[in-house]
Amino acid sequence: HYAICNAYKPIMISKFDPTQVLELIRKYCVIEMLGVPKMFQKLMEAPNFESNEGIKNLLIISTGGDYVSPDFIREFNAAIAAQGAKGILAPGYGLTEMCAVCTTNNLPEGYYRDNTVGMPILGTHVEIWDNENNKLNPGEIGEVVITGKCIMNGYLPDEDIQTSGIYTDDNGVDWIKTGDVG
């Protein structure tokens, strides 16, 4: 929905084929791309990756949905920089329960920090809690919890699980308990 709201012209493909995607990047001067880490690995392995004139146009390259190693990020970013791209592969974090993207390393202010999934997007708040739903201090390990304007109302249709994963704090704010460690 972000692309449509910002008047982008999405290029839809029915099945990911790295050679085809690279050709589309070249043909349409693609400036923004979003994908899971494996897609970017496959792009680098494609025979037309290093000779692709379109790579230089990439400005925003976001990845999420799976772990991506810092080594791969450095390798990918060096490879596209060698072709003149100004963008970098930047990991983010999201949940269906929060309408997808929650954090990103591709903010307009140029924020990027290695080994992170970035900062929360506008209207989203992220905290780390202990097992008793108390906010932890920076550097302490606990569960990632998220709230914001895009939080789901619950799961349907089963009433037994409709509000599972949602915690309402003492101020009446609903939080998604992700089950992820942060």
Protein backbone atom coordinates (compact mmCIF):
# COMPACT_ATOMS: atom_id res chain seq x y z
CA HIS A 1 0.00 0.00 0.00
CA TYR A 2 2.96 2.35 0.55
CA ALA A 3 3.85 2.30 -3.13
CA ILE A 4 0.32 3.03 -4.28
CA CYS A 5 -0.17 5.85 -1.73
CA ASN A 6 3.04 7.47 -2.97
CA ALA A 7 2.16 7.20 -6.69
CA TYR A 8 4.76 4.55 -7.43
CA LYS A 9 4.38 2.39 -10.50
CA PRO A 10 4.85 -1.14 -9.11
CA ILE A 11 6.20 -3.83 -11.40
CA MET A 12 4.37 -7.04 -10.57
CA ILE A 13 5.81 -10.47 -11.34
CA SER A 14 4.04 -13.79 -10.89
CA LYS A 15 7.15 -15.74 -9.85
CA PHE A 16 10.57 -14.54 -8.78
CA ASP A 17 13.16 -15.18 -11.47
CA PRO A 18 16.40 -13.31 -10.76
CA THR A 19 17.38 -12.92 -14.41
CA GLN A 20 13.93 -11.54 -15.27
CA VAL A 21 13.94 -9.20 -12.26
CA LEU A 22 17.34 -7.81 -13.22
CA GLU A 23 16.08 -7.21 -16.75
CA LEU A 24 13.06 -5.34 -15.35
CA ILE A 25 15.36 -3.26 -13.12
CA ARG A 26 17.34 -2.29 -16.21
CA LYS A 27 14.37 -1.74 -18.52
CA TYR A 28 12.28 0.38 -16.12
CA CYS A 29 15.08 2.19 -14.20
CA VAL A 30 13.83 0.79 -10.88
CA ILE A 31 14.80 3.00 -7.93
CA GLU A 32 13.24 1.06 -5.03
CA MET A 33 13.08 -2.64 -4.27
CA LEU A 34 11.78 -4.74 -1.41
CA GLY A 35 12.41 -8.45 -0.92
CA VAL A 36 13.41 -11.25 1.40
CA PRO A 37 17.17 -11.84 1.82
CA LYS A 38 17.18 -14.96 -0.39
CA MET A 39 15.93 -12.87 -3.34
CA PHE A 40 18.95 -10.56 -3.13
CA GLN A 41 21.28 -13.55 -2.86
CA LYS A 42 19.73 -15.01 -6.02
CA LEU A 43 20.09 -11.65 -7.80
CA MET A 44 23.83 -11.62 -7.05
CA GLU A 45 24.16 -15.18 -8.42
CA ALA A 46 22.36 -14.33 -11.68
CA PRO A 47 24.53 -14.13 -14.82
CA ASN A 48 23.29 -10.63 -15.68
CA PHE A 49 23.92 -9.08 -12.23
CA GLU A 50 27.39 -7.60 -12.69
CA SER A 51 26.68 -6.25 -16.16
CA ASN A 52 23.28 -4.73 -15.35
CA GLU A 53 23.07 -1.03 -16.23
CA GLY A 54 19.92 -0.63 -14.11
CA ILE A 55 21.60 -1.43 -10.79
CA LYS A 56 23.04 2.11 -10.66
CA ASN A 57 19.50 3.53 -10.31
CA LEU A 58 18.68 1.69 -7.07
CA LEU A 59 18.24 4.15 -4.20
CA ILE A 60 16.15 2.27 -1.63
CA ILE A 61 16.64 -1.46 -1.17
CA SER A 62 14.82 -2.96 1.80
CA THR A 63 14.85 -6.50 3.08
CA GLY A 64 13.00 -8.37 5.81
CA GLY A 65 11.09 -11.54 6.54
CA ASP A 66 14.21 -13.53 7.45
CA TYR A 67 17.65 -13.14 8.93
CA VAL A 68 20.26 -11.48 6.74
CA SER A 69 23.88 -11.65 7.82
CA PRO A 70 25.98 -8.50 8.16
CA ASP A 71 28.56 -10.14 5.86
CA PHE A 72 26.00 -10.58 3.08
CA ILE A 73 24.79 -6.99 3.48
CA ARG A 74 28.38 -5.73 3.10
CA GLU A 75 28.97 -8.01 0.09
CA PHE A 76 25.75 -6.97 -1.65
CA ASN A 77 26.28 -3.28 -0.95
CA ALA A 78 29.86 -3.41 -2.26
CA ALA A 79 28.67 -5.17 -5.41
CA ILE A 80 25.99 -2.60 -6.20
CA ALA A 81 28.25 0.32 -5.26
CA ALA A 82 30.78 -0.97 -7.79
CA GLN A 83 28.03 -0.54 -10.40
CA GLY A 84 27.30 3.02 -9.30
CA ALA A 85 24.27 2.47 -7.05
CA LYS A 86 23.74 5.06 -4.34
CA GLY A 87 21.37 2.84 -2.33
CA ILE A 88 22.17 0.16 0.22
CA LEU A 89 20.49 -3.07 1.21
CA ALA A 90 18.90 -2.22 4.55
CA PRO A 91 17.10 -4.71 6.79
CA GLY A 92 13.83 -3.90 8.50
CA TYR A 93 11.25 -5.68 10.62
CA GLY A 94 7.52 -6.12 10.25
CA LEU A 95 4.44 -8.09 11.19
CA THR A 96 1.18 -8.82 9.43
CA GLU A 97 -0.50 -7.90 12.73
CA MET A 98 0.90 -4.36 12.34
CA CYS A 99 0.14 -3.92 8.60
CA ALA A 100 3.65 -5.11 7.66
CA VAL A 101 6.64 -2.74 8.13
CA CYS A 102 7.37 -1.67 11.71
CA THR A 103 11.04 -0.65 11.55
CA THR A 104 13.41 0.29 8.77
CA ASN A 105 16.99 1.31 8.19
CA ASN A 106 15.86 3.30 5.12
CA LEU A 107 14.54 6.45 6.73
CA PRO A 108 14.62 9.77 4.82
CA GLU A 109 17.01 11.24 7.38
CA GLY A 110 19.67 8.78 6.22
CA TYR A 111 19.65 6.72 9.42
CA TYR A 112 21.44 3.40 9.12
CA ARG A 113 23.04 1.30 11.81
CA ASP A 114 24.80 -2.02 11.15
CA ASN A 115 23.40 -5.15 12.79
CA THR A 116 19.97 -3.64 13.45
CA VAL A 117 16.54 -3.61 11.81
CA GLY A 118 16.44 0.18 12.07
CA MET A 119 14.12 2.64 13.76
CA PRO A 120 10.34 2.39 14.17
CA ILE A 121 8.36 4.04 11.40
CA LEU A 122 6.15 7.03 12.19
CA GLY A 123 3.20 6.04 14.38
CA THR A 124 4.83 2.82 15.60
CA HIS A 125 6.35 2.25 19.03
CA VAL A 126 8.64 -0.70 19.85
CA GLU A 127 9.77 -1.84 23.28
CA ILE A 128 11.48 -4.86 24.84
CA TRP A 129 9.63 -6.45 27.77
CA ASP A 130 10.36 -9.12 30.35
CA ASN A 131 8.05 -12.08 31.07
CA GLU A 132 5.93 -9.93 33.42
CA ASN A 133 5.25 -7.28 30.72
CA ASN A 134 7.70 -4.74 32.20
CA LYS A 135 9.75 -2.53 29.88
CA LEU A 136 13.43 -3.42 29.94
CA ASN A 137 16.39 -1.06 29.72
CA PRO A 138 18.53 -0.75 26.58
CA GLY A 139 20.87 -3.72 26.27
CA GLU A 140 18.62 -6.10 28.21
CA ILE A 141 17.16 -9.09 26.37
CA GLY A 142 13.45 -9.78 26.29
CA GLU A 143 10.41 -9.99 24.01
CA VAL A 144 9.82 -7.47 21.22
CA VAL A 145 6.43 -5.77 21.67
CA ILE A 146 4.91 -3.26 19.25
CA THR A 147 2.02 -0.82 19.24
CA GLY A 148 0.81 1.90 16.93
CA LYS A 149 -1.99 3.19 14.78
CA CYS A 150 -1.87 0.12 12.53
CA ILE A 151 -2.35 -2.56 15.19
CA MET A 152 -4.83 -5.32 14.34
CA ASN A 153 -8.12 -5.73 16.21
CA GLY A 154 -7.60 -9.47 16.62
CA TYR A 155 -7.59 -12.77 14.79
CA LEU A 156 -10.71 -14.10 13.07
CA PRO A 157 -12.89 -16.12 13.19
CA ASP A 158 -11.95 -18.26 16.21
CA GLU A 159 -12.97 -16.41 19.40
CA ASP A 160 -10.55 -18.51 21.45
CA ILE A 161 -7.55 -17.00 19.67
CA GLN A 162 -9.05 -13.66 18.61
CA THR A 163 -7.10 -11.63 21.17
CA SER A 164 -4.15 -13.97 21.66
CA GLY A 165 -0.88 -12.13 21.20
CA ILE A 166 -2.48 -8.81 22.19
CA TYR A 167 -1.76 -7.33 25.61
CA THR A 168 -3.58 -4.25 26.92
CA ASP A 169 -1.44 -2.26 29.34
CA ASP A 170 -2.59 -0.23 32.38
CA ASN A 171 -3.12 2.83 30.14
CA GLY A 172 -5.47 0.93 27.81
CA VAL A 173 -2.88 0.66 25.02
CA ASP A 174 -2.90 -2.57 23.01
CA TRP A 175 0.48 -4.14 22.26
CA ILE A 176 1.38 -7.02 19.96
CA LYS A 177 3.53 -9.56 21.77
CA THR A 178 5.65 -10.85 18.90
CA GLY A 179 7.39 -13.79 20.53
CA ASP A 180 10.62 -12.47 18.99
CA VAL A 181 13.70 -11.83 21.10
CA GLY A 182 15.24 -8.38 21.12
